[in-house]
Amino acid sequence: MDKIVSNFVAMALVVVCSALVSHGAEVGKGEELFRTKKCMNCHNLTVKKKVGPGLLGVSKRHSAEWLYEWLSNPQKVWEGDHSETTELKKWMKGKDKKKETAMKIEQLTPDEILAILDFLKKNDE
């Protein structure tokens, strides 16, 4: 029963995120947040790796649900068994045995996450 509820919540989150990302958050606000929340300290908006992966194409490589969850709580997602997390760990060339992700992020509000996702999606176009 818990699995059914969990799947329902996840699907609802995807629908809400997709609708809000495509219709809501301003790209300019997302860009500002990307810079002021220090995302750019570790990530490029190209394919080139900095500390973390380059983010060009990230909205095509990962689902909106996964990205939303990652920006909400990277450590929780890192510890999970989602296939997208497994692929990220493979990209990191065997560092998947680590118990923690190197990504440290200050707590973002749902609106801030959606704005950043909107900005990243626009960057991928």
N, C-alpha and C. Protein backbone atom coordinates (compact mmCIF):
# COMPACT_ATOMS: atom_id res chain seq x y z
N MET A 1 0.82 -1.20 0.00
CA MET A 1 0.00 0.00 0.00
C MET A 1 0.87 1.26 0.00
N ASP A 2 1.93 1.26 0.82
CA ASP A 2 2.82 2.42 0.86
C ASP A 2 3.44 2.68 -0.51
N LYS A 3 3.78 1.61 -1.24
CA LYS A 3 4.37 1.74 -2.57
C LYS A 3 3.39 2.39 -3.54
N ILE A 4 2.11 2.04 -3.44
CA ILE A 4 1.09 2.63 -4.30
C ILE A 4 0.94 4.11 -4.00
N VAL A 5 0.88 4.46 -2.74
CA VAL A 5 0.77 5.88 -2.35
C VAL A 5 2.01 6.64 -2.80
N SER A 6 3.18 6.05 -2.60
CA SER A 6 4.43 6.68 -3.00
C SER A 6 4.46 6.93 -4.51
N ASN A 7 4.05 5.94 -5.29
CA ASN A 7 4.02 6.09 -6.74
C ASN A 7 3.02 7.16 -7.16
N PHE A 8 1.87 7.20 -6.51
CA PHE A 8 0.87 8.20 -6.83
C PHE A 8 1.40 9.60 -6.54
N VAL A 9 2.04 9.78 -5.40
CA VAL A 9 2.60 11.08 -5.04
C VAL A 9 3.67 11.48 -6.05
N ALA A 10 4.53 10.55 -6.43
CA ALA A 10 5.58 10.84 -7.41
C ALA A 10 4.98 11.26 -8.75
N MET A 11 3.95 10.55 -9.19
CA MET A 11 3.31 10.91 -10.47
C MET A 11 2.65 12.28 -10.38
N ALA A 12 2.00 12.56 -9.26
CA ALA A 12 1.36 13.87 -9.09
C ALA A 12 2.41 14.97 -9.09
N LEU A 13 3.55 14.72 -8.47
CA LEU A 13 4.63 15.69 -8.44
C LEU A 13 5.14 15.98 -9.85
N VAL A 14 5.28 14.94 -10.66
CA VAL A 14 5.73 15.13 -12.04
C VAL A 14 4.74 16.00 -12.81
N VAL A 15 3.46 15.72 -12.68
CA VAL A 15 2.44 16.49 -13.39
C VAL A 15 2.48 17.95 -12.95
N VAL A 16 2.53 18.18 -11.64
CA VAL A 16 2.56 19.55 -11.12
C VAL A 16 3.83 20.25 -11.57
N CYS A 17 4.97 19.59 -11.43
CA CYS A 17 6.25 20.20 -11.81
C CYS A 17 6.26 20.54 -13.29
N SER A 18 5.82 19.61 -14.12
CA SER A 18 5.81 19.84 -15.56
C SER A 18 4.94 21.04 -15.92
N ALA A 19 3.76 21.11 -15.32
CA ALA A 19 2.86 22.22 -15.61
C ALA A 19 3.45 23.54 -15.14
N LEU A 20 4.00 23.55 -13.94
CA LEU A 20 4.54 24.79 -13.41
C LEU A 20 5.81 25.21 -14.13
N VAL A 21 6.67 24.26 -14.47
CA VAL A 21 7.90 24.60 -15.17
C VAL A 21 7.59 25.17 -16.54
N SER A 22 6.64 24.58 -17.25
CA SER A 22 6.37 25.04 -18.59
C SER A 22 5.54 26.32 -18.62
N HIS A 23 4.80 26.62 -17.56
CA HIS A 23 3.93 27.79 -17.59
C HIS A 23 4.25 28.86 -16.56
N GLY A 24 5.02 28.52 -15.54
CA GLY A 24 5.10 29.41 -14.41
C GLY A 24 6.36 30.22 -14.28
N ALA A 25 7.36 29.63 -13.70
CA ALA A 25 8.54 30.35 -13.25
C ALA A 25 9.21 31.13 -14.37
N GLU A 26 9.69 32.28 -14.02
CA GLU A 26 10.36 33.13 -14.98
C GLU A 26 11.79 32.66 -15.19
N VAL A 27 12.22 32.63 -16.44
CA VAL A 27 13.59 32.23 -16.76
C VAL A 27 14.59 33.18 -16.10
N GLY A 28 14.30 34.47 -16.11
CA GLY A 28 15.21 35.46 -15.51
C GLY A 28 15.42 35.21 -14.03
N LYS A 29 14.35 34.86 -13.33
CA LYS A 29 14.47 34.57 -11.91
C LYS A 29 15.32 33.31 -11.69
N GLY A 30 15.11 32.32 -12.55
CA GLY A 30 15.91 31.10 -12.45
C GLY A 30 17.38 31.36 -12.70
N GLU A 31 17.67 32.22 -13.66
CA GLU A 31 19.08 32.57 -13.94
C GLU A 31 19.69 33.30 -12.74
N GLU A 32 18.94 34.22 -12.18
CA GLU A 32 19.41 34.95 -10.99
C GLU A 32 19.67 33.98 -9.84
N LEU A 33 18.77 33.06 -9.62
CA LEU A 33 18.94 32.08 -8.56
C LEU A 33 20.14 31.17 -8.83
N PHE A 34 20.33 30.79 -10.08
CA PHE A 34 21.46 29.95 -10.46
C PHE A 34 22.77 30.63 -10.07
N ARG A 35 22.81 31.95 -10.24
CA ARG A 35 24.02 32.70 -9.90
C ARG A 35 24.13 32.99 -8.40
N THR A 36 23.04 33.38 -7.77
CA THR A 36 23.10 33.78 -6.36
C THR A 36 23.09 32.61 -5.39
N LYS A 37 22.57 31.47 -5.81
CA LYS A 37 22.56 30.29 -4.93
C LYS A 37 23.84 29.48 -5.12
N LYS A 38 24.77 30.04 -5.84
CA LYS A 38 26.12 29.48 -6.04
C LYS A 38 26.16 28.21 -6.88
N CYS A 39 25.14 27.96 -7.67
CA CYS A 39 25.16 26.79 -8.56
C CYS A 39 26.34 26.90 -9.53
N MET A 40 26.59 28.14 -9.99
CA MET A 40 27.64 28.35 -10.99
C MET A 40 29.05 28.16 -10.43
N ASN A 41 29.18 28.06 -9.12
CA ASN A 41 30.50 27.79 -8.56
C ASN A 41 30.99 26.40 -8.95
N CYS A 42 30.07 25.48 -9.15
CA CYS A 42 30.44 24.09 -9.44
C CYS A 42 29.98 23.59 -10.81
N HIS A 43 29.07 24.33 -11.46
CA HIS A 43 28.51 23.86 -12.73
C HIS A 43 28.64 24.91 -13.82
N ASN A 44 28.97 24.45 -15.03
CA ASN A 44 28.93 25.27 -16.23
C ASN A 44 27.58 25.09 -16.90
N LEU A 45 27.22 26.06 -17.72
CA LEU A 45 25.99 25.93 -18.53
C LEU A 45 26.30 25.35 -19.89
N THR A 46 27.46 24.72 -20.00
CA THR A 46 27.90 24.03 -21.21
C THR A 46 27.96 22.54 -20.87
N VAL A 47 28.54 21.74 -21.75
CA VAL A 47 28.72 20.32 -21.46
C VAL A 47 30.00 20.08 -20.65
N LYS A 48 30.83 21.10 -20.55
CA LYS A 48 32.12 20.96 -19.88
C LYS A 48 31.95 20.79 -18.37
N LYS A 49 32.61 19.76 -17.83
CA LYS A 49 32.59 19.50 -16.40
C LYS A 49 33.40 20.59 -15.69
N LYS A 50 32.91 21.03 -14.57
CA LYS A 50 33.62 21.96 -13.69
C LYS A 50 33.95 21.13 -12.46
N VAL A 51 33.36 21.40 -11.33
CA VAL A 51 33.43 20.50 -10.18
C VAL A 51 32.38 19.40 -10.38
N GLY A 52 31.19 19.85 -10.75
CA GLY A 52 30.10 18.93 -11.08
C GLY A 52 29.93 18.91 -12.59
N PRO A 53 28.98 18.13 -13.07
CA PRO A 53 28.77 18.03 -14.52
C PRO A 53 28.30 19.33 -15.15
N GLY A 54 28.67 19.52 -16.42
CA GLY A 54 28.12 20.62 -17.19
C GLY A 54 26.62 20.41 -17.32
N LEU A 55 25.86 21.47 -17.30
CA LEU A 55 24.41 21.35 -17.24
C LEU A 55 23.69 21.51 -18.58
N LEU A 56 24.43 21.74 -19.65
CA LEU A 56 23.78 21.82 -20.95
C LEU A 56 23.17 20.46 -21.27
N GLY A 57 21.88 20.43 -21.54
CA GLY A 57 21.17 19.20 -21.85
C GLY A 57 20.64 18.46 -20.63
N VAL A 58 20.82 19.04 -19.43
CA VAL A 58 20.41 18.33 -18.22
C VAL A 58 18.90 18.04 -18.21
N SER A 59 18.10 18.93 -18.77
CA SER A 59 16.65 18.70 -18.77
C SER A 59 16.26 17.62 -19.77
N LYS A 60 17.18 17.25 -20.64
CA LYS A 60 16.94 16.16 -21.58
C LYS A 60 17.51 14.84 -21.05
N ARG A 61 18.53 14.94 -20.20
CA ARG A 61 19.15 13.73 -19.63
C ARG A 61 18.40 13.19 -18.42
N HIS A 62 17.71 14.07 -17.72
CA HIS A 62 17.02 13.69 -16.49
C HIS A 62 15.56 14.13 -16.53
N SER A 63 14.73 13.38 -15.87
CA SER A 63 13.31 13.72 -15.81
C SER A 63 13.11 14.94 -14.91
N ALA A 64 12.01 15.65 -15.12
CA ALA A 64 11.67 16.81 -14.29
C ALA A 64 11.50 16.38 -12.83
N GLU A 65 10.91 15.20 -12.64
CA GLU A 65 10.71 14.68 -11.27
C GLU A 65 12.05 14.48 -10.57
N TRP A 66 12.99 13.82 -11.26
CA TRP A 66 14.29 13.54 -10.65
C TRP A 66 15.04 14.84 -10.35
N LEU A 67 15.03 15.77 -11.29
CA LEU A 67 15.72 17.04 -11.08
C LEU A 67 15.12 17.80 -9.90
N TYR A 68 13.80 17.79 -9.82
CA TYR A 68 13.13 18.47 -8.71
C TYR A 68 13.55 17.85 -7.37
N GLU A 69 13.51 16.53 -7.32
CA GLU A 69 13.91 15.84 -6.09
C GLU A 69 15.38 16.09 -5.77
N TRP A 70 16.23 16.07 -6.78
CA TRP A 70 17.66 16.30 -6.58
C TRP A 70 17.90 17.69 -5.98
N LEU A 71 17.26 18.70 -6.54
CA LEU A 71 17.46 20.05 -6.02
C LEU A 71 16.80 20.23 -4.65
N SER A 72 15.82 19.41 -4.34
CA SER A 72 15.19 19.47 -3.02
C SER A 72 16.07 18.86 -1.95
N ASN A 73 16.72 17.75 -2.29
CA ASN A 73 17.53 17.03 -1.30
C ASN A 73 18.50 16.08 -2.02
N PRO A 74 19.65 16.60 -2.48
CA PRO A 74 20.58 15.77 -3.24
C PRO A 74 21.03 14.52 -2.48
N GLN A 75 21.27 14.64 -1.19
CA GLN A 75 21.76 13.49 -0.43
C GLN A 75 20.73 12.36 -0.39
N LYS A 76 19.47 12.70 -0.22
CA LYS A 76 18.41 11.68 -0.19
C LYS A 76 18.33 10.96 -1.54
N VAL A 77 18.41 11.72 -2.62
CA VAL A 77 18.35 11.13 -3.96
C VAL A 77 19.60 10.27 -4.19
N TRP A 78 20.76 10.75 -3.73
CA TRP A 78 22.00 10.01 -3.89
C TRP A 78 21.92 8.63 -3.22
N GLU A 79 21.28 8.59 -2.07
CA GLU A 79 21.17 7.34 -1.32
C GLU A 79 20.10 6.42 -1.88
N GLY A 80 19.24 6.95 -2.73
CA GLY A 80 18.15 6.16 -3.30
C GLY A 80 18.63 5.24 -4.40
N ASP A 81 17.70 4.48 -4.96
CA ASP A 81 18.07 3.51 -6.00
C ASP A 81 17.43 3.83 -7.35
N HIS A 82 17.16 5.09 -7.59
CA HIS A 82 16.57 5.51 -8.86
C HIS A 82 17.57 5.28 -9.99
N SER A 83 17.09 4.86 -11.13
CA SER A 83 17.98 4.57 -12.27
C SER A 83 18.76 5.81 -12.71
N GLU A 84 18.17 6.99 -12.59
CA GLU A 84 18.89 8.21 -12.98
C GLU A 84 20.05 8.49 -12.03
N THR A 85 19.89 8.14 -10.77
CA THR A 85 20.97 8.29 -9.81
C THR A 85 22.09 7.30 -10.13
N THR A 86 21.72 6.09 -10.49
CA THR A 86 22.70 5.07 -10.86
C THR A 86 23.52 5.54 -12.05
N GLU A 87 22.87 6.13 -13.04
CA GLU A 87 23.58 6.64 -14.22
C GLU A 87 24.53 7.78 -13.83
N LEU A 88 24.10 8.64 -12.94
CA LEU A 88 24.96 9.73 -12.47
C LEU A 88 26.20 9.17 -11.78
N LYS A 89 26.01 8.15 -10.99
CA LYS A 89 27.14 7.53 -10.29
C LYS A 89 28.10 6.88 -11.28
N LYS A 90 27.59 6.27 -12.34
CA LYS A 90 28.44 5.69 -13.38
C LYS A 90 29.25 6.79 -14.05
N TRP A 91 28.61 7.93 -14.31
CA TRP A 91 29.29 9.06 -14.93
C TRP A 91 30.46 9.51 -14.06
N MET A 92 30.31 9.35 -12.76
CA MET A 92 31.35 9.78 -11.84
C MET A 92 32.51 8.78 -11.77
N LYS A 93 32.50 7.79 -12.66
CA LYS A 93 33.61 6.86 -12.82
C LYS A 93 33.94 6.07 -11.56
N GLY A 94 32.93 5.40 -11.04
CA GLY A 94 33.19 4.49 -9.94
C GLY A 94 33.14 5.09 -8.55
N LYS A 95 32.88 6.38 -8.45
CA LYS A 95 32.81 7.00 -7.13
C LYS A 95 31.47 6.72 -6.46
N ASP A 96 30.69 5.80 -7.06
CA ASP A 96 29.36 5.52 -6.55
C ASP A 96 29.38 4.82 -5.19
N LYS A 97 30.52 4.41 -4.72
CA LYS A 97 30.61 3.75 -3.42
C LYS A 97 30.56 4.77 -2.28
N LYS A 98 30.72 6.04 -2.62
CA LYS A 98 30.64 7.06 -1.58
C LYS A 98 29.25 7.10 -1.00
N LYS A 99 29.18 7.36 0.29
CA LYS A 99 27.89 7.42 0.97
C LYS A 99 27.25 8.79 0.85
N GLU A 100 28.01 9.76 0.39
CA GLU A 100 27.47 11.12 0.27
C GLU A 100 27.78 11.68 -1.10
N THR A 101 26.93 12.55 -1.54
CA THR A 101 27.21 13.31 -2.74
C THR A 101 28.04 14.52 -2.35
N ALA A 102 28.87 14.97 -3.25
CA ALA A 102 29.67 16.16 -2.99
C ALA A 102 28.82 17.42 -3.10
N MET A 103 27.64 17.29 -3.71
CA MET A 103 26.80 18.47 -3.93
C MET A 103 26.16 18.93 -2.63
N LYS A 104 26.50 20.11 -2.25
CA LYS A 104 25.92 20.75 -1.08
C LYS A 104 25.13 21.96 -1.59
N ILE A 105 23.91 22.05 -1.16
CA ILE A 105 23.04 23.12 -1.66
C ILE A 105 22.22 23.65 -0.50
N GLU A 106 22.05 24.96 -0.49
CA GLU A 106 21.19 25.50 0.56
C GLU A 106 19.74 25.16 0.22
N GLN A 107 18.92 25.12 1.24
CA GLN A 107 17.52 24.77 1.04
C GLN A 107 16.85 25.74 0.08
N LEU A 108 16.21 25.20 -0.92
CA LEU A 108 15.48 26.00 -1.90
C LEU A 108 13.99 25.82 -1.70
N THR A 109 13.23 26.87 -1.96
CA THR A 109 11.77 26.75 -1.91
C THR A 109 11.30 26.04 -3.18
N PRO A 110 10.11 25.48 -3.18
CA PRO A 110 9.59 24.88 -4.41
C PRO A 110 9.58 25.86 -5.58
N ASP A 111 9.22 27.11 -5.33
CA ASP A 111 9.22 28.11 -6.42
C ASP A 111 10.62 28.36 -6.95
N GLU A 112 11.61 28.38 -6.07
CA GLU A 112 12.99 28.58 -6.50
C GLU A 112 13.47 27.40 -7.35
N ILE A 113 13.12 26.20 -6.93
CA ILE A 113 13.50 25.02 -7.70
C ILE A 113 12.88 25.07 -9.08
N LEU A 114 11.60 25.39 -9.14
CA LEU A 114 10.91 25.46 -10.44
C LEU A 114 11.51 26.54 -11.33
N ALA A 115 11.89 27.67 -10.75
CA ALA A 115 12.51 28.74 -11.54
C ALA A 115 13.86 28.28 -12.10
N ILE A 116 14.66 27.62 -11.28
CA ILE A 116 15.96 27.12 -11.75
C ILE A 116 15.75 26.07 -12.84
N LEU A 117 14.79 25.17 -12.66
CA LEU A 117 14.51 24.16 -13.68
C LEU A 117 14.04 24.81 -14.98
N ASP A 118 13.24 25.85 -14.88
CA ASP A 118 12.77 26.57 -16.06
C ASP A 118 13.96 27.19 -16.80
N PHE A 119 14.87 27.79 -16.05
CA PHE A 119 16.07 28.39 -16.62
C PHE A 119 16.93 27.32 -17.31
N LEU A 120 17.13 26.18 -16.66
CA LEU A 120 17.95 25.12 -17.24
C LEU A 120 17.29 24.55 -18.49
N LYS A 121 15.96 24.41 -18.45
CA LYS A 121 15.24 23.91 -19.62
C LYS A 121 15.39 24.89 -20.80
N LYS A 122 15.26 26.17 -20.51
CA LYS A 122 15.41 27.20 -21.56
C LYS A 122 16.85 27.17 -22.11
N ASN A 123 17.82 26.95 -21.24
CA ASN A 123 19.22 26.87 -21.67
C ASN A 123 19.44 25.68 -22.60
N ASP A 124 18.64 24.64 -22.48
CA ASP A 124 18.78 23.44 -23.29
C ASP A 124 18.15 23.57 -24.68
N GLU A 125 17.36 24.61 -24.88
CA GLU A 125 16.66 24.77 -26.17
C GLU A 125 17.59 25.26 -27.25
